[in-house]
């Protein structure tokens, strides 16, 4: 770990003051956080063909998703504290460059073993754009304002899972799965150029945290002793696990079980993603009348109820394809309220170490998601397998809410937020 190094002395960005400048900042940050979802979702229509081309089954194909998520989780633990020590720009630009290199190499992977290793490297590169963007939001905003900005970021971020499978399906009409990774490299290169030109430093030198690895370990220890913080990041992780159970299971459920074509799958997947995006934008309006705490509690309860209905209909087969889609969309809609509010409440507790807090948050989110993907593959490729894991996230979330967060107790620190 670099110690006490003030690498970037570029002017520090202050919170934008005009609507135009705020939207410019949001679009720039949205393009950065979109790198991860694009890397995850663009190749989803190709998972069955990757399994066939590399002579393996669905579980092996889904492990490429796990590998990428593992890289995302590990990278955030490293780059979050690093961005607290040396500033946001340098780790961000290096990470996107690593992602470009890994994407190019993925396009030439000869086997699943090589592809898995390269997907870990891809995840490490994408981790910087994820964790550093979260830290930048905390540099500039806090509390309800941070939750609002995160909700607006979800609007930009949400276009990635909506468009990515459709784009991937379109690529497959003239190329194969290797062409998808080539396109990812081109997109990341464009993001790198725009970021290098338009994003200034947001962490002033006087707020940077020196001390190297020892200081990082102490900071992580402080965070891990905060029961409410741990509960909130677990809720964020369980919300992400629900999303990735859908991501990992839907290509096989929709294409192999229900017989959708690759392009049809992209459209249906996008409609599910729209529910998440719609919820994040309604969240902005709700925050004008209700606190993030209240919205978070209601969303987890709604997601759990929708998940139970999804599981019942999936196991029984009642309703067929529409019987799976409707409760699935309800769960995704509810999770759209969890994704901005749980992180915002968590990060508001430790603003002085925003990068490290965002790193632990991201590591938990993507670490849980990394475990989720192979669990779906292990249980099978039918609707019941996907529904079981999707339902597990919000149901366990209710337990976390009651045992760790305990939002109605004064010692939670959330009663007035």
Protein backbone atom coordinates (compact mmCIF):
# COMPACT_ATOMS: atom_id res chain seq x y z
CA UNK A 1 0.00 0.00 0.00
CA UNK A 2 1.30 3.44 -0.80
CA UNK A 3 1.85 5.58 2.25
CA UNK A 4 1.45 9.33 2.50
CA UNK A 5 1.72 9.90 -1.25
CA UNK A 6 -0.04 12.98 -2.64
CA UNK A 7 0.07 11.81 -6.23
CA UNK A 8 -2.73 13.93 -7.68
CA UNK A 9 -2.76 17.66 -6.97
CA UNK A 10 -5.41 18.55 -9.56
CA UNK A 11 -8.15 20.96 -8.45
CA UNK A 12 -10.74 19.46 -6.14
CA UNK A 13 -14.30 19.26 -7.49
CA UNK A 14 -16.90 21.09 -5.42
CA UNK A 15 -20.57 20.06 -5.43
CA UNK A 16 -22.18 21.25 -8.69
CA UNK A 17 -24.44 24.26 -8.24
CA UNK A 18 -26.47 24.33 -11.47
CA UNK A 19 -28.86 21.68 -12.83
CA UNK A 20 -26.79 21.33 -16.01
CA UNK A 21 -23.54 20.77 -14.12
CA UNK A 22 -25.20 18.31 -11.74
CA UNK A 23 -26.52 16.24 -14.64
CA UNK A 24 -23.12 16.35 -16.32
CA UNK A 25 -21.54 14.95 -13.17
CA UNK A 26 -24.23 12.28 -12.86
CA UNK A 27 -23.77 11.16 -16.46
CA UNK A 28 -20.01 10.94 -16.01
CA UNK A 29 -20.30 8.95 -12.77
CA UNK A 30 -23.04 6.83 -14.32
CA UNK A 31 -20.78 5.89 -17.23
CA UNK A 32 -18.16 4.74 -14.72
CA UNK A 33 -20.46 2.60 -12.60
CA UNK A 34 -21.97 1.15 -15.79
CA UNK A 35 -18.67 -0.57 -16.59
CA UNK A 36 -19.40 -3.32 -14.04
CA UNK A 37 -22.98 -4.09 -15.15
CA UNK A 38 -21.97 -4.04 -18.82
CA UNK A 39 -19.23 -6.54 -18.04
CA UNK A 40 -21.74 -8.71 -16.22
CA UNK A 41 -24.78 -8.48 -18.47
CA UNK A 42 -23.65 -8.00 -22.07
CA UNK A 43 -22.50 -11.60 -22.44
CA UNK A 44 -25.52 -13.20 -20.74
CA UNK A 45 -27.31 -14.20 -23.99
CA UNK A 46 -24.11 -16.01 -24.98
CA UNK A 47 -23.80 -18.16 -21.82
CA UNK A 48 -25.38 -21.25 -23.41
CA UNK A 49 -23.22 -20.87 -26.54
CA UNK A 50 -20.06 -20.32 -24.43
CA UNK A 51 -20.84 -23.55 -22.57
CA UNK A 52 -21.22 -25.37 -25.90
CA UNK A 53 -18.16 -23.78 -27.55
CA UNK A 54 -15.86 -24.52 -24.61
CA UNK A 55 -17.37 -27.99 -24.13
CA UNK A 56 -18.85 -27.68 -20.66
CA UNK A 57 -22.17 -27.28 -18.86
CA UNK A 58 -24.27 -24.45 -17.44
CA UNK A 59 -22.51 -24.49 -14.05
CA UNK A 60 -19.11 -23.90 -15.66
CA UNK A 61 -20.50 -21.03 -17.73
CA UNK A 62 -22.02 -19.45 -14.62
CA UNK A 63 -18.63 -19.68 -12.88
CA UNK A 64 -17.36 -17.04 -15.32
CA UNK A 65 -19.89 -14.73 -13.69
CA UNK A 66 -18.68 -15.76 -10.23
CA UNK A 67 -15.07 -15.11 -11.25
CA UNK A 68 -15.88 -11.58 -12.38
CA UNK A 69 -17.83 -10.86 -9.18
CA UNK A 70 -14.98 -12.22 -7.05
CA UNK A 71 -12.63 -9.78 -8.77
CA UNK A 72 -15.09 -6.97 -8.12
CA UNK A 73 -15.26 -7.83 -4.42
CA UNK A 74 -11.49 -8.23 -3.93
CA UNK A 75 -10.61 -5.15 -5.97
CA UNK A 76 -12.83 -2.91 -3.90
CA UNK A 77 -11.13 -3.95 -0.65
CA UNK A 78 -7.82 -2.82 -2.15
CA UNK A 79 -8.77 0.24 -4.18
CA UNK A 80 -11.19 1.78 -1.68
CA UNK A 81 -8.53 2.45 1.01
CA UNK A 82 -6.02 3.32 -1.73
CA UNK A 83 -8.34 6.06 -3.00
CA UNK A 84 -8.61 7.41 0.56
CA UNK A 85 -4.80 7.63 0.69
CA UNK A 86 -3.80 9.00 -2.73
CA UNK A 87 -7.01 10.46 -4.15
CA UNK A 88 -9.71 9.23 -6.50
CA UNK A 89 -8.39 9.88 -10.02
CA UNK A 90 -5.26 7.71 -10.23
CA UNK A 91 -6.82 4.42 -8.99
CA UNK A 92 -9.86 5.08 -11.17
CA UNK A 93 -7.92 5.58 -14.40
CA UNK A 94 -5.59 2.63 -13.75
CA UNK A 95 -8.53 0.35 -13.00
CA UNK A 96 -10.39 1.18 -16.21
CA UNK A 97 -7.17 0.57 -18.18
CA UNK A 98 -6.83 -2.88 -16.56
CA UNK A 99 -10.43 -3.62 -17.52
CA UNK A 100 -9.69 -2.77 -21.17
CA UNK A 101 -6.70 -5.13 -21.25
CA UNK A 102 -8.64 -7.97 -19.61
CA UNK A 103 -11.56 -7.55 -22.02
CA UNK A 104 -9.26 -7.86 -25.03
CA UNK A 105 -7.65 -11.01 -23.60
CA UNK A 106 -11.08 -12.54 -22.79
CA UNK A 107 -11.91 -12.36 -26.50
CA UNK A 108 -9.08 -14.83 -27.18
CA UNK A 109 -9.57 -17.18 -24.20
CA UNK A 110 -9.10 -20.82 -25.33
CA UNK A 111 -10.71 -22.51 -22.31
CA UNK A 112 -12.92 -21.95 -19.28
CA UNK A 113 -9.88 -22.01 -16.97
CA UNK A 114 -8.23 -19.13 -18.84
CA UNK A 115 -11.52 -17.27 -19.19
CA UNK A 116 -12.17 -17.54 -15.44
CA UNK A 117 -8.76 -16.04 -14.62
CA UNK A 118 -9.29 -13.19 -17.08
CA UNK A 119 -12.77 -12.55 -15.71
CA UNK A 120 -11.23 -12.11 -12.25
CA UNK A 121 -8.86 -9.54 -13.78
CA UNK A 122 -11.82 -7.86 -15.50
CA UNK A 123 -13.58 -7.66 -12.14
CA UNK A 124 -10.50 -6.15 -10.48
CA UNK A 125 -10.45 -3.41 -13.11
CA UNK A 126 -14.18 -2.75 -12.87
CA UNK A 127 -13.93 -2.61 -9.06
CA UNK A 128 -12.18 0.75 -9.16
CA UNK A 129 -14.96 2.42 -11.14
CA UNK A 130 -17.53 1.00 -8.72
CA UNK A 131 -15.91 1.79 -5.37
CA UNK A 132 -14.29 5.09 -6.33
CA UNK A 133 -17.55 6.40 -7.78
CA UNK A 134 -19.30 5.60 -4.50
CA UNK A 135 -16.55 7.43 -2.61
CA UNK A 136 -16.86 10.44 -4.93
CA UNK A 137 -20.59 10.61 -4.16
CA UNK A 138 -19.75 10.61 -0.45
CA UNK A 139 -17.08 13.29 -1.03
CA UNK A 140 -19.74 15.60 -2.43
CA UNK A 141 -23.01 14.61 -0.71
CA UNK A 142 -24.39 13.02 2.46
CA UNK A 143 -27.63 11.73 4.01
CA UNK A 144 -30.79 12.16 1.97
CA UNK A 145 -28.85 14.07 -0.67
CA UNK A 146 -26.52 11.09 -1.12
CA UNK A 147 -29.50 8.70 -1.40
CA UNK A 148 -31.01 11.01 -4.00
CA UNK A 149 -27.79 11.13 -6.02
CA UNK A 150 -27.43 7.35 -5.83
CA UNK A 151 -31.01 7.02 -7.08
CA UNK A 152 -30.23 9.32 -9.99
CA UNK A 153 -27.09 7.33 -10.69
CA UNK A 154 -29.26 4.24 -10.86
CA UNK A 155 -31.11 5.87 -13.76
CA UNK A 156 -27.87 6.04 -15.74
CA UNK A 157 -26.61 2.77 -14.29
CA UNK A 158 -29.92 1.09 -15.00
CA UNK A 159 -29.61 1.56 -18.74
CA UNK A 160 -26.68 -0.86 -18.69
CA UNK A 161 -28.61 -4.00 -17.65
CA UNK A 162 -31.54 -2.92 -19.82
CA UNK A 163 -29.45 -2.45 -22.95
CA UNK A 164 -26.53 -4.82 -22.36
CA UNK A 165 -28.22 -8.18 -23.08
CA UNK A 166 -29.96 -6.66 -26.10
CA UNK A 167 -26.62 -5.38 -27.37
CA UNK A 168 -25.04 -8.75 -26.66
CA UNK A 169 -27.82 -10.50 -28.55
CA UNK A 170 -27.34 -8.13 -31.49
CA UNK A 171 -23.59 -8.85 -31.53
CA UNK A 172 -24.36 -12.57 -31.68
CA UNK A 173 -26.26 -12.05 -34.96
CA UNK A 174 -23.01 -11.15 -36.76
CA UNK A 175 -20.29 -12.45 -34.45
CA UNK A 176 -19.90 -14.85 -31.51
CA UNK A 177 -19.34 -14.45 -27.78
CA UNK A 178 -15.75 -13.31 -28.38
CA UNK A 179 -17.04 -10.27 -30.25
CA UNK A 180 -18.94 -9.22 -27.12
CA UNK A 181 -15.70 -8.96 -25.14
CA UNK A 182 -14.14 -6.97 -27.97
CA UNK A 183 -17.01 -4.51 -27.80
CA UNK A 184 -16.57 -4.25 -24.01
CA UNK A 185 -12.95 -3.21 -24.56
CA UNK A 186 -14.04 -0.46 -26.97
CA UNK A 187 -16.70 0.85 -24.56
CA UNK A 188 -14.23 0.90 -21.65
CA UNK A 189 -11.68 2.76 -23.76
CA UNK A 190 -14.27 5.47 -24.48
CA UNK A 191 -15.08 5.73 -20.75
CA UNK A 192 -11.36 6.05 -19.95
CA UNK A 193 -10.89 8.93 -22.39
CA UNK A 194 -13.94 10.84 -21.12
CA UNK A 195 -13.00 10.30 -17.47
CA UNK A 196 -9.40 11.43 -17.99
CA UNK A 197 -10.61 14.64 -19.61
CA UNK A 198 -13.67 15.52 -17.54
CA UNK A 199 -13.33 14.20 -13.97
CA UNK A 200 -11.24 16.27 -11.55
CA UNK A 201 -10.04 15.14 -8.14
CA UNK A 202 -12.76 15.24 -5.42
CA UNK A 203 -10.65 14.37 -2.35
CA UNK A 204 -8.46 17.26 -1.17
CA UNK A 205 -4.97 16.46 0.10
CA UNK A 206 -5.79 17.49 3.67
CA UNK A 207 -8.58 14.86 3.84
CA UNK A 208 -6.44 11.96 2.60
CA UNK A 209 -5.63 9.19 5.06
CA UNK A 210 -2.00 8.10 5.42
CA UNK A 211 -0.78 5.07 7.33
CA UNK A 212 -0.69 2.36 4.69
CA UNK A 213 -1.81 -1.19 5.36
CA UNK A 214 -1.87 -0.79 9.15
CA UNK A 215 -4.19 2.20 8.92
CA UNK A 216 -6.44 0.33 6.46
CA UNK A 217 -6.70 -2.62 8.84
CA UNK A 218 -7.61 -0.30 11.72
CA UNK A 219 -10.24 1.37 9.58
CA UNK A 220 -11.71 -1.97 8.58
CA UNK A 221 -11.73 -2.98 12.23
CA UNK A 222 -13.67 0.17 13.13
CA UNK A 223 -16.23 -0.57 10.44
CA UNK A 224 -16.59 -4.21 11.41
CA UNK A 225 -17.35 -3.22 15.01
CA UNK A 226 -20.28 -1.07 13.87
CA UNK A 227 -23.24 -3.45 14.15
CA UNK A 228 -25.66 -1.21 12.27
CA UNK A 229 -23.17 -0.56 9.45
CA UNK A 230 -22.62 -4.32 9.05
CA UNK A 231 -26.37 -4.88 8.97
CA UNK A 232 -26.88 -2.21 6.33
CA UNK A 233 -24.14 -3.49 4.03
CA UNK A 234 -25.50 -7.01 4.43
CA UNK A 235 -28.90 -5.70 3.33
CA UNK A 236 -27.23 -4.09 0.32
CA UNK A 237 -25.46 -7.39 -0.40
CA UNK A 238 -28.63 -9.44 -0.09
CA UNK A 239 -30.37 -7.02 -2.45
CA UNK A 240 -27.52 -7.52 -4.90
CA UNK A 241 -27.78 -11.30 -4.47
CA UNK A 242 -31.40 -11.12 -5.61
CA UNK A 243 -30.35 -9.23 -8.72
CA UNK A 244 -27.58 -11.69 -9.53
CA UNK A 245 -29.75 -14.74 -8.91
CA UNK A 246 -31.90 -13.27 -11.68
CA UNK A 247 -28.82 -12.50 -13.80
CA UNK A 248 -27.32 -16.00 -13.41
CA UNK A 249 -30.52 -18.00 -13.71
CA UNK A 250 -32.56 -16.14 -16.30
CA UNK A 251 -30.52 -17.04 -19.44
CA UNK A 252 -31.17 -20.73 -18.84
CA UNK A 253 -34.69 -20.41 -17.42
CA UNK A 254 -35.93 -18.14 -20.20
CA UNK A 255 -34.00 -19.65 -23.12
CA UNK A 256 -33.83 -23.35 -22.29
CA UNK A 257 -36.93 -23.86 -20.12
CA UNK A 258 -39.34 -21.42 -21.75
CA UNK A 259 -37.77 -21.50 -25.23
CA UNK A 260 -36.99 -17.80 -25.79
CA UNK A 261 -34.53 -16.85 -28.53
CA UNK A 262 -31.40 -14.86 -27.65
CA UNK A 263 -32.93 -11.56 -28.82
CA UNK A 264 -36.23 -12.31 -27.04
CA UNK A 265 -34.32 -13.06 -23.86
CA UNK A 266 -32.55 -9.70 -24.12
CA UNK A 267 -35.90 -7.91 -24.38
CA UNK A 268 -37.46 -9.76 -21.42
CA UNK A 269 -34.34 -9.30 -19.32
CA UNK A 270 -34.42 -5.60 -20.12
CA UNK A 271 -38.05 -5.33 -18.99
CA UNK A 272 -37.04 -6.77 -15.64
CA UNK A 273 -34.20 -4.30 -15.34
CA UNK A 274 -36.61 -1.47 -16.13
CA UNK A 275 -38.50 -2.33 -12.91
CA UNK A 276 -35.33 -1.78 -10.90
CA UNK A 277 -34.62 1.53 -12.63
CA UNK A 278 -38.21 2.72 -12.21
CA UNK A 279 -38.06 2.02 -8.47
CA UNK A 280 -34.81 3.93 -8.03
CA UNK A 281 -36.38 6.98 -9.65
CA UNK A 282 -39.59 6.75 -7.64
CA UNK A 283 -37.30 6.55 -4.62
CA UNK A 284 -36.22 10.15 -5.27
CA UNK A 285 -39.83 11.28 -4.95
CA UNK A 286 -40.45 9.14 -1.88
CA UNK A 287 -37.43 10.62 -0.13
CA UNK A 288 -39.15 14.01 -0.22
CA UNK A 289 -41.83 12.59 2.09
CA UNK A 290 -40.26 9.62 3.83
CA UNK A 291 -36.83 8.89 5.30
CA UNK A 292 -34.47 6.36 3.68
CA UNK A 293 -35.00 4.15 6.74
CA UNK A 294 -38.77 3.92 6.23
CA UNK A 295 -38.46 3.26 2.50
CA UNK A 296 -35.83 0.57 3.11
CA UNK A 297 -37.98 -1.33 5.62
CA UNK A 298 -41.05 -1.27 3.38
CA UNK A 299 -39.02 -2.38 0.34
CA UNK A 300 -37.52 -5.42 2.09
CA UNK A 301 -40.96 -6.53 3.28
CA UNK A 302 -42.41 -6.15 -0.23
CA UNK A 303 -39.49 -8.04 -1.80
CA UNK A 304 -39.87 -10.92 0.66
CA UNK A 305 -43.61 -11.20 -0.02
CA UNK A 306 -43.04 -11.12 -3.79
CA UNK A 307 -40.29 -13.73 -3.48
CA UNK A 308 -42.50 -16.17 -1.61
CA UNK A 309 -45.19 -15.80 -4.29
CA UNK A 310 -42.57 -16.33 -7.02
CA UNK A 311 -41.32 -19.49 -5.34
CA UNK A 312 -44.80 -20.95 -4.92
CA UNK A 313 -45.75 -20.32 -8.55
CA UNK A 314 -42.39 -21.58 -9.85
CA UNK A 315 -42.56 -24.83 -7.91
CA UNK A 316 -46.22 -25.47 -8.74
CA UNK A 317 -45.99 -24.40 -12.37
CA UNK A 318 -49.22 -22.43 -12.03
CA UNK A 319 -49.45 -19.59 -14.53
CA UNK A 320 -46.59 -20.78 -16.73
CA UNK A 321 -44.25 -18.09 -18.07
CA UNK A 322 -46.45 -15.12 -16.99
CA UNK A 323 -46.76 -16.72 -13.54
CA UNK A 324 -42.98 -16.49 -13.15
CA UNK A 325 -42.56 -13.04 -14.70
CA UNK A 326 -45.11 -11.08 -12.67
CA UNK A 327 -43.87 -11.86 -9.13
CA UNK A 328 -40.28 -11.72 -10.41
CA UNK A 329 -40.85 -8.17 -11.62
CA UNK A 330 -42.45 -7.30 -8.26
CA UNK A 331 -39.33 -8.50 -6.43
CA UNK A 332 -37.02 -6.59 -8.77
CA UNK A 333 -39.15 -3.46 -8.32
CA UNK A 334 -38.89 -3.71 -4.52
CA UNK A 335 -35.13 -4.33 -4.64
CA UNK A 336 -34.83 -1.10 -6.64
CA UNK A 337 -35.66 0.76 -3.42
CA UNK A 338 -33.14 -1.24 -1.36
CA UNK A 339 -30.15 -0.61 -3.64
CA UNK A 340 -29.80 3.18 -3.11
CA UNK A 341 -31.08 3.47 0.48
CA UNK A 342 -29.09 0.74 2.26
CA UNK A 343 -25.72 2.01 0.90
CA UNK A 344 -26.61 5.65 1.55
CA UNK A 345 -27.50 4.94 5.18
CA UNK A 346 -24.36 2.83 5.62
CA UNK A 347 -21.97 5.38 4.12
CA UNK A 348 -23.53 8.25 6.10
CA UNK A 349 -22.13 6.65 9.28
CA UNK A 350 -18.45 6.90 8.25
CA UNK A 351 -17.93 9.88 5.95
CA UNK A 352 -14.34 10.43 7.15
CA UNK A 353 -13.31 7.09 5.60
CA UNK A 354 -15.70 7.01 2.66
CA UNK A 355 -13.40 5.05 0.36
CA UNK A 356 -12.77 2.30 2.89
CA UNK A 357 -16.46 2.15 3.86
CA UNK A 358 -17.46 2.00 0.19
CA UNK A 359 -14.87 -0.73 -0.36
CA UNK A 360 -16.28 -2.92 2.40
CA UNK A 361 -19.79 -2.20 1.16
CA UNK A 362 -18.88 -3.19 -2.40
CA UNK A 363 -16.92 -6.25 -1.30
CA UNK A 364 -19.90 -7.54 0.67
CA UNK A 365 -22.32 -6.76 -2.16
CA UNK A 366 -20.34 -8.49 -4.86
CA UNK A 367 -18.97 -11.18 -2.55
CA UNK A 368 -22.51 -12.31 -1.73
CA UNK A 369 -23.41 -12.02 -5.42
CA UNK A 370 -20.38 -14.16 -6.34
CA UNK A 371 -21.63 -16.92 -4.07
CA UNK A 372 -25.17 -16.57 -5.41
CA UNK A 373 -24.38 -17.34 -9.07
CA UNK A 374 -22.95 -20.87 -8.57
CA UNK A 375 -25.70 -21.69 -6.05
CA UNK A 376 -28.27 -21.08 -8.79
CA UNK A 377 -26.27 -23.30 -11.14
CA UNK A 378 -25.91 -26.01 -8.50
CA UNK A 379 -29.67 -26.12 -7.85
CA UNK A 380 -30.46 -26.43 -11.55
CA UNK A 381 -31.60 -24.49 -14.60
CA UNK A 382 -35.36 -24.49 -13.95
CA UNK A 383 -37.58 -21.70 -12.57
CA UNK A 384 -37.70 -23.21 -9.06
CA UNK A 385 -33.90 -23.04 -8.67
CA UNK A 386 -33.75 -19.37 -9.64
CA UNK A 387 -36.81 -18.53 -7.54
CA UNK A 388 -35.36 -20.21 -4.44
CA UNK A 389 -32.23 -18.08 -4.46
CA UNK A 390 -34.11 -14.89 -5.39
CA UNK A 391 -36.48 -15.41 -2.48
CA UNK A 392 -33.69 -16.20 -0.05
CA UNK A 393 -32.17 -12.71 -0.32
CA UNK A 394 -35.07 -10.59 1.00
CA UNK A 395 -36.18 -13.27 3.49
CA UNK A 396 -32.73 -13.33 5.07
CA UNK A 397 -32.80 -9.54 4.79
CA UNK A 398 -35.78 -9.44 7.14
CA UNK A 399 -33.72 -11.38 9.71
CA UNK A 400 -30.77 -8.99 9.31
CA UNK A 401 -33.08 -6.02 9.69
CA UNK A 402 -34.49 -7.36 12.95
CA UNK A 403 -31.27 -8.65 14.51
CA UNK A 404 -28.51 -6.25 13.39
CA UNK A 405 -29.97 -3.00 12.10
CA UNK A 406 -32.90 -2.77 14.55
CA UNK A 407 -33.87 0.58 13.00
CA UNK A 408 -36.50 1.54 15.57
CA UNK A 409 -34.05 1.43 18.47
CA UNK A 410 -32.37 4.74 19.46
CA UNK A 411 -28.90 3.12 19.45
CA UNK A 412 -29.25 2.28 15.76
CA UNK A 413 -28.62 5.92 14.82
CA UNK A 414 -31.35 5.64 12.16
CA UNK A 415 -34.41 6.81 14.00
CA UNK A 416 -34.00 10.39 12.76
CA UNK A 417 -32.60 9.68 9.27
